């Protein structure tokens, strides 16, 4: 029996590592093709699914109105290329990896296919007006779809989406390394974006802890990721102001193999964020990457983290230098309570293979068995 054919479309270059990993599992049950504009990012090669990259022109206009108009024209040209590509092939379902222009993709591609819209999250900018406009645009898109994938039920409630449209697929991640950590050292890792996260505030907290305990236990702190120039500069300035013997390493952007190498060396994850209204309910996929790799986590106290972190897998802290320092003190005193394999096992429902086989693939099968919508 031939596999059903799924076309995944996105207005930014795909696949990133998460989608690529997810498609490895989807390809067990479906014939998967991903199509998106080519933005010059290295593609993750594989032989399990197809990747189509469309040539995309570069916006060379300097005037703001001209730039915005060109961006809009470019967007519709890309969507029309999606339509032409799909028209030449026989796809059963189009999975739209976008929550702001999904409606346009569906309208232009036509009524031939079943459609699924992927919803990510509410706006998380520090600018409330931007968040409001973003959320209104996402809400507008939901009116055009009968099937919407989202990670948590909270998104459904926040956007007031009828439950019959919603498929709660959960949040799944790939573990970065084997869960065989020992805890005779304290080697920290932060993985993620820097913008609006205030990671620079952890530097002085770690430095204080290092100065007090450098003769008691070996330690290090690795920061992986990039962000806006403002937040990268804040981090570099904090690092420039500390003594040179403090073992903090800023790696910037790393590829997956390089990230895995750092994770192999480390045994404590850092999930640090502002605890504000727009991050209060934010789910951190990195939190689960740490846990599935067998690391206890030092995590700021938003509502989601408080439900997951307990005395056996980490510590909840305030999002301040003092909070980070006190969290490290608590972890240091209780290193003997952490069991790497048990930490990973307790989080197995957040592994991508579990989510794919138990949530996403059954949802696709349910949609494909229904009338076209």
Protein backbone atom coordinates (compact mmCIF):
# COMPACT_ATOMS: atom_id res chain seq x y z
CA UNK A 1 0.00 0.00 0.00
CA UNK A 2 1.45 3.37 -1.02
CA UNK A 3 2.03 6.04 1.60
CA UNK A 4 -0.09 9.19 1.79
CA UNK A 5 1.79 12.25 0.52
CA UNK A 6 2.32 15.30 2.74
CA UNK A 7 3.71 18.64 1.51
CA UNK A 8 5.19 20.86 4.23
CA UNK A 9 5.44 24.53 3.24
CA UNK A 10 7.08 27.49 4.98
CA UNK A 11 7.89 31.10 4.13
CA UNK A 12 11.33 30.86 5.76
CA UNK A 13 13.91 28.27 4.79
CA UNK A 14 13.11 24.78 6.02
CA UNK A 15 13.88 22.39 7.48
CA UNK A 16 15.53 23.55 10.67
CA UNK A 17 16.81 20.80 12.96
CA UNK A 18 13.50 20.32 14.81
CA UNK A 19 11.43 19.84 11.66
CA UNK A 20 14.12 17.68 10.08
CA UNK A 21 14.13 15.38 13.11
CA UNK A 22 10.33 15.25 13.15
CA UNK A 23 10.23 14.32 9.46
CA UNK A 24 12.50 11.35 10.13
CA UNK A 25 9.63 9.85 12.13
CA UNK A 26 6.87 11.08 9.79
CA UNK A 27 8.63 9.37 6.88
CA UNK A 28 7.93 5.99 8.47
CA UNK A 29 4.25 6.50 7.64
CA UNK A 30 4.10 9.20 4.97
CA UNK A 31 5.84 10.35 1.81
CA UNK A 32 7.08 13.78 2.97
CA UNK A 33 8.26 16.74 0.89
CA UNK A 34 9.34 20.10 2.35
CA UNK A 35 9.27 23.22 0.17
CA UNK A 36 10.47 26.70 1.16
CA UNK A 37 12.57 29.63 -0.13
CA UNK A 38 16.34 29.23 -0.27
CA UNK A 39 17.87 31.72 2.19
CA UNK A 40 21.42 30.42 1.93
CA UNK A 41 21.33 28.31 5.10
CA UNK A 42 23.09 24.94 4.96
CA UNK A 43 20.55 22.16 4.40
CA UNK A 44 20.43 19.10 6.64
CA UNK A 45 20.84 16.28 4.12
CA UNK A 46 18.88 13.05 4.39
CA UNK A 47 17.41 10.28 2.25
CA UNK A 48 14.14 9.85 4.17
CA UNK A 49 12.22 12.84 2.80
CA UNK A 50 12.50 15.36 -0.04
CA UNK A 51 13.61 18.99 0.29
CA UNK A 52 12.79 21.58 -2.39
CA UNK A 53 14.39 25.02 -2.08
CA UNK A 54 13.01 27.82 -4.22
CA UNK A 55 15.25 30.55 -5.56
CA UNK A 56 14.39 33.75 -3.69
CA UNK A 57 15.51 37.23 -4.69
CA UNK A 58 17.18 39.58 -2.19
CA UNK A 59 15.47 42.78 -1.08
CA UNK A 60 17.87 45.58 -2.11
CA UNK A 61 15.54 48.51 -1.49
CA UNK A 62 16.53 51.00 1.22
CA UNK A 63 13.36 53.06 1.56
CA UNK A 64 11.15 51.48 4.24
CA UNK A 65 7.94 51.58 2.19
CA UNK A 66 9.66 50.13 -0.86
CA UNK A 67 11.19 47.38 1.28
CA UNK A 68 7.81 46.45 2.78
CA UNK A 69 6.09 46.44 -0.61
CA UNK A 70 8.84 44.28 -2.11
CA UNK A 71 8.61 41.86 0.84
CA UNK A 72 4.87 41.50 0.26
CA UNK A 73 5.28 40.92 -3.47
CA UNK A 74 8.05 38.39 -2.81
CA UNK A 75 5.85 36.55 -0.33
CA UNK A 76 3.03 36.08 -2.84
CA UNK A 77 5.47 35.01 -5.54
CA UNK A 78 6.79 32.30 -3.23
CA UNK A 79 3.28 31.11 -2.40
CA UNK A 80 2.44 30.95 -6.10
CA UNK A 81 5.53 28.76 -6.61
CA UNK A 82 4.17 26.46 -3.87
CA UNK A 83 0.93 26.25 -5.85
CA UNK A 84 2.67 25.45 -9.14
CA UNK A 85 4.89 22.81 -7.54
CA UNK A 86 1.98 21.09 -5.78
CA UNK A 87 -0.17 21.23 -8.93
CA UNK A 88 2.34 19.02 -10.78
CA UNK A 89 2.24 16.37 -8.03
CA UNK A 90 -0.44 14.47 -6.20
CA UNK A 91 -0.30 15.49 -2.53
CA UNK A 92 -2.96 14.43 -0.04
CA UNK A 93 -2.30 17.09 2.60
CA UNK A 94 -0.53 20.44 2.91
CA UNK A 95 1.02 21.13 6.33
CA UNK A 96 1.61 24.88 6.66
CA UNK A 97 4.53 25.70 8.93
CA UNK A 98 3.42 29.29 9.47
CA UNK A 99 0.87 31.08 11.64
CA UNK A 100 0.74 34.59 10.18
CA UNK A 101 0.33 34.05 6.40
CA UNK A 102 -1.14 30.55 6.48
CA UNK A 103 -4.51 31.85 5.25
CA UNK A 104 -2.90 33.26 2.09
CA UNK A 105 -1.10 29.98 1.39
CA UNK A 106 -4.38 28.07 1.69
CA UNK A 107 -6.35 30.48 -0.47
CA UNK A 108 -3.76 30.62 -3.25
CA UNK A 109 -3.07 26.88 -3.31
CA UNK A 110 -6.78 26.16 -3.72
CA UNK A 111 -9.32 23.63 -2.49
CA UNK A 112 -7.64 20.52 -3.88
CA UNK A 113 -5.90 19.53 -0.64
CA UNK A 114 -6.52 18.97 3.03
CA UNK A 115 -4.74 21.64 5.09
CA UNK A 116 -3.19 21.78 8.54
CA UNK A 117 -1.93 25.01 10.11
CA UNK A 118 0.87 24.81 12.67
CA UNK A 119 0.42 27.26 15.54
CA UNK A 120 3.50 28.15 17.59
CA UNK A 121 2.84 30.70 20.33
CA UNK A 122 1.53 34.10 21.21
CA UNK A 123 3.71 37.16 20.68
CA UNK A 124 6.73 37.30 22.98
CA UNK A 125 8.19 40.68 22.04
CA UNK A 126 8.94 43.22 24.75
CA UNK A 127 6.71 45.58 22.76
CA UNK A 128 3.07 45.11 23.79
CA UNK A 129 1.74 46.70 20.60
CA UNK A 130 3.73 44.25 18.47
CA UNK A 131 2.42 41.36 20.58
CA UNK A 132 -1.16 42.59 20.18
CA UNK A 133 -0.86 42.91 16.39
CA UNK A 134 0.90 39.53 16.11
CA UNK A 135 -1.80 37.77 18.13
CA UNK A 136 -4.60 39.39 16.13
CA UNK A 137 -2.96 38.20 12.90
CA UNK A 138 -2.61 34.65 14.25
CA UNK A 139 -6.24 34.66 15.40
CA UNK A 140 -7.35 35.86 11.96
CA UNK A 141 -5.53 32.92 10.33
CA UNK A 142 -7.31 30.36 12.50
CA UNK A 143 -10.69 31.24 10.94
CA UNK A 144 -9.56 29.67 7.65
CA UNK A 145 -8.65 26.23 9.03
CA UNK A 146 -10.51 23.20 10.34
CA UNK A 147 -7.30 21.55 11.56
CA UNK A 148 -4.74 23.39 13.70
CA UNK A 149 -1.75 21.76 15.40
CA UNK A 150 -0.46 23.32 18.62
CA UNK A 151 1.79 22.31 21.47
CA UNK A 152 -0.42 23.03 24.46
CA UNK A 153 -4.07 23.46 25.33
CA UNK A 154 -3.24 26.90 26.69
CA UNK A 155 -2.83 28.24 23.13
CA UNK A 156 -6.32 27.05 22.32
CA UNK A 157 -7.72 28.89 25.34
CA UNK A 158 -5.62 32.03 24.80
CA UNK A 159 -6.70 32.41 21.17
CA UNK A 160 -10.24 31.11 21.89
CA UNK A 161 -10.13 28.52 19.16
CA UNK A 162 -13.01 26.00 19.04
CA UNK A 163 -11.79 22.68 20.41
CA UNK A 164 -13.07 20.71 17.38
CA UNK A 165 -10.45 22.47 15.22
CA UNK A 166 -7.53 21.75 17.55
CA UNK A 167 -5.05 18.88 17.69
CA UNK A 168 -2.84 19.10 20.80
CA UNK A 169 0.36 17.51 19.54
CA UNK A 170 2.59 18.40 22.47
CA UNK A 171 6.16 19.62 22.41
CA UNK A 172 8.80 17.09 21.44
CA UNK A 173 12.58 17.37 21.33
CA UNK A 174 15.55 15.16 20.50
CA UNK A 175 17.96 14.42 23.29
CA UNK A 176 21.40 15.84 22.63
CA UNK A 177 23.47 13.16 24.37
CA UNK A 178 23.25 9.99 26.44
CA UNK A 179 21.81 10.32 29.94
CA UNK A 180 24.84 9.05 31.81
CA UNK A 181 25.93 12.15 33.70
CA UNK A 182 27.89 12.12 36.93
CA UNK A 183 27.76 15.03 39.36
CA UNK A 184 31.24 15.42 40.80
CA UNK A 185 31.56 18.63 38.75
CA UNK A 186 29.19 21.48 37.86
CA UNK A 187 29.43 22.11 34.13
CA UNK A 188 26.56 24.34 32.98
CA UNK A 189 25.17 24.87 29.49
CA UNK A 190 22.71 27.45 28.16
CA UNK A 191 21.34 26.78 24.67
CA UNK A 192 19.01 29.24 22.99
CA UNK A 193 18.42 32.72 21.70
CA UNK A 194 19.77 35.69 23.69
CA UNK A 195 17.27 38.36 22.66
CA UNK A 196 14.88 39.33 25.49
CA UNK A 197 16.17 36.46 27.65
CA UNK A 198 18.47 38.44 30.01
CA UNK A 199 21.06 35.64 29.97
CA UNK A 200 23.73 38.27 30.66
CA UNK A 201 22.34 38.47 34.21
CA UNK A 202 23.58 34.95 34.90
CA UNK A 203 27.22 35.98 34.46
CA UNK A 204 27.63 37.81 37.76
CA UNK A 205 25.64 35.12 39.60
CA UNK A 206 27.93 32.39 38.27
CA UNK A 207 31.03 34.49 38.97
CA UNK A 208 30.02 34.95 42.62
CA UNK A 209 29.44 31.22 43.00
CA UNK A 210 32.78 30.42 41.33
CA UNK A 211 34.71 32.78 43.62
CA UNK A 212 33.19 31.11 46.68
CA UNK A 213 33.56 27.49 45.54
CA UNK A 214 36.43 27.31 43.03
CA UNK A 215 38.50 25.32 45.50
CA UNK A 216 35.61 22.96 46.33
CA UNK A 217 34.39 21.71 42.95
CA UNK A 218 35.38 21.94 39.28
CA UNK A 219 32.95 24.02 37.25
CA UNK A 220 32.35 25.74 33.90
CA UNK A 221 29.57 27.60 32.10
CA UNK A 222 28.97 27.31 28.33
CA UNK A 223 26.59 29.66 26.50
CA UNK A 224 25.42 28.67 23.02
CA UNK A 225 23.31 30.88 20.79
CA UNK A 226 23.04 34.34 19.36
CA UNK A 227 20.55 37.16 19.18
CA UNK A 228 20.20 40.87 18.50
CA UNK A 229 23.38 42.95 18.60
CA UNK A 230 22.09 44.65 21.76
CA UNK A 231 21.84 41.43 23.76
CA UNK A 232 25.06 39.94 22.40
CA UNK A 233 26.81 43.18 23.46
CA UNK A 234 25.28 42.99 26.96
CA UNK A 235 26.58 39.44 27.34
CA UNK A 236 30.06 40.30 26.08
CA UNK A 237 30.25 43.35 28.36
CA UNK A 238 29.33 41.28 31.42
CA UNK A 239 32.00 38.74 30.49
CA UNK A 240 34.58 41.49 29.97
CA UNK A 241 33.97 42.79 33.49
CA UNK A 242 34.70 39.52 35.35
CA UNK A 243 38.10 38.05 36.36
CA UNK A 244 39.82 36.13 33.58
CA UNK A 245 39.95 32.88 35.53
CA UNK A 246 36.13 32.58 35.66
CA UNK A 247 35.41 29.62 33.31
CA UNK A 248 32.58 31.10 31.20
CA UNK A 249 32.65 30.34 27.48
CA UNK A 250 30.46 32.06 24.89
CA UNK A 251 30.31 29.89 21.76
CA UNK A 252 27.84 31.85 19.65
CA UNK A 253 25.94 29.85 17.05
CA UNK A 254 26.96 26.18 16.74
CA UNK A 255 25.79 23.41 14.43
CA UNK A 256 24.09 20.31 15.82
CA UNK A 257 27.27 18.24 16.07
CA UNK A 258 29.06 21.05 17.91
CA UNK A 259 26.11 21.47 20.29
CA UNK A 260 26.16 17.73 20.98
CA UNK A 261 29.88 17.93 21.82
CA UNK A 262 29.24 20.65 24.42
CA UNK A 263 26.28 18.73 25.86
CA UNK A 264 28.51 15.67 26.31
CA UNK A 265 30.82 17.73 28.53
CA UNK A 266 28.08 19.37 30.61
CA UNK A 267 25.81 18.05 33.36
CA UNK A 268 23.53 21.00 34.29
CA UNK A 269 21.13 22.83 31.98
CA UNK A 270 20.24 26.52 32.23
CA UNK A 271 16.70 27.62 31.27
CA UNK A 272 16.88 31.34 32.04
CA UNK A 273 14.23 33.82 30.94
CA UNK A 274 12.52 36.99 31.97
CA UNK A 275 9.45 36.15 34.04
CA UNK A 276 7.07 38.64 32.44
CA UNK A 277 3.49 38.46 31.23
CA UNK A 278 4.60 37.36 27.77
CA UNK A 279 6.96 34.64 29.06
CA UNK A 280 4.85 33.59 32.05
CA UNK A 281 3.36 30.59 30.23
CA UNK A 282 6.09 30.08 27.63
CA UNK A 283 7.17 26.48 27.05
CA UNK A 284 10.92 26.11 26.67
CA UNK A 285 11.89 23.25 24.36
CA UNK A 286 15.44 23.64 25.66
CA UNK A 287 14.23 22.65 29.13
CA UNK A 288 13.27 19.25 27.74
CA UNK A 289 16.50 18.93 25.76
CA UNK A 290 18.40 19.23 29.02
CA UNK A 291 16.15 16.81 30.91
CA UNK A 292 16.14 14.18 28.14
CA UNK A 293 19.95 14.40 28.16
CA UNK A 294 19.91 13.53 31.85
CA UNK A 295 20.72 17.00 33.18
CA UNK A 296 19.07 18.67 36.16
CA UNK A 297 18.02 22.20 35.24
CA UNK A 298 18.34 25.58 36.91
CA UNK A 299 15.19 27.30 35.60
CA UNK A 300 13.43 30.61 36.10
CA UNK A 301 10.01 30.30 37.67
CA UNK A 302 7.41 30.70 34.97
CA UNK A 303 4.21 28.68 35.27
CA UNK A 304 5.31 25.89 32.89
CA UNK A 305 8.72 25.40 34.51
CA UNK A 306 7.15 25.21 37.97
CA UNK A 307 5.00 22.29 36.87
CA UNK A 308 7.97 20.33 35.52
CA UNK A 309 10.94 21.09 37.78
CA UNK A 310 11.12 19.44 41.21
CA UNK A 311 13.75 18.58 43.81
CA UNK A 312 14.89 15.53 41.80
CA UNK A 313 15.47 17.25 38.45
CA UNK A 314 16.52 20.81 39.22
CA UNK A 315 15.73 24.05 40.98
CA UNK A 316 13.41 27.01 40.31
CA UNK A 317 14.96 30.47 40.65
CA UNK A 318 14.17 34.15 40.26
CA UNK A 319 15.30 35.77 37.01
CA UNK A 320 18.09 37.84 38.58
CA UNK A 321 21.84 37.50 39.25
CA UNK A 322 21.06 36.78 42.91
CA UNK A 323 18.47 34.18 41.95
CA UNK A 324 20.99 32.41 39.69
CA UNK A 325 23.62 32.41 42.44
CA UNK A 326 21.21 31.01 45.04
CA UNK A 327 20.04 28.34 42.59
CA UNK A 328 23.63 27.19 42.10
CA UNK A 329 24.09 27.05 45.87
CA UNK A 330 21.05 24.80 46.23
CA UNK A 331 22.22 22.51 43.43
CA UNK A 332 25.72 22.29 44.91
CA UNK A 333 24.36 21.18 48.28
CA UNK A 334 22.14 18.52 46.71
CA UNK A 335 24.20 17.09 43.84
CA UNK A 336 23.92 13.64 45.39
CA UNK A 337 20.14 13.55 44.83
CA UNK A 338 20.36 13.74 41.01
CA UNK A 339 20.12 10.54 38.96
CA UNK A 340 20.83 11.21 35.28
CA UNK A 341 18.99 8.18 33.87
CA UNK A 342 15.91 8.81 36.02
CA UNK A 343 15.82 12.49 35.02
CA UNK A 344 15.73 11.48 31.34
CA UNK A 345 13.18 8.70 31.90
CA UNK A 346 10.80 11.00 33.77
CA UNK A 347 10.67 13.33 30.73
CA UNK A 348 10.25 10.68 28.01
CA UNK A 349 6.78 11.95 27.00
CA UNK A 350 8.49 15.07 25.67
CA UNK A 351 10.86 13.17 23.39
CA UNK A 352 10.22 13.82 19.71
CA UNK A 353 9.81 10.15 18.82
CA UNK A 354 7.12 9.76 21.50
CA UNK A 355 5.30 12.90 20.35
CA UNK A 356 5.57 11.91 16.66
CA UNK A 357 4.29 8.35 17.06
CA UNK A 358 1.67 9.05 19.73
CA UNK A 359 0.37 12.50 18.80
CA UNK A 360 1.38 13.87 15.38
CA UNK A 361 1.11 10.78 13.17
CA UNK A 362 -2.28 9.73 14.65
CA UNK A 363 -3.53 13.30 14.11
CA UNK A 364 -2.49 13.24 10.44
CA UNK A 365 -4.14 9.85 9.95
CA UNK A 366 -7.35 11.12 11.53
CA UNK A 367 -7.40 14.16 9.22
CA UNK A 368 -6.57 12.13 6.10
CA UNK A 369 -9.43 9.73 6.86
CA UNK A 370 -11.94 12.62 6.97
CA UNK A 371 -13.57 14.54 4.14
CA UNK A 372 -11.42 17.22 2.50
CA UNK A 373 -11.17 20.42 4.59
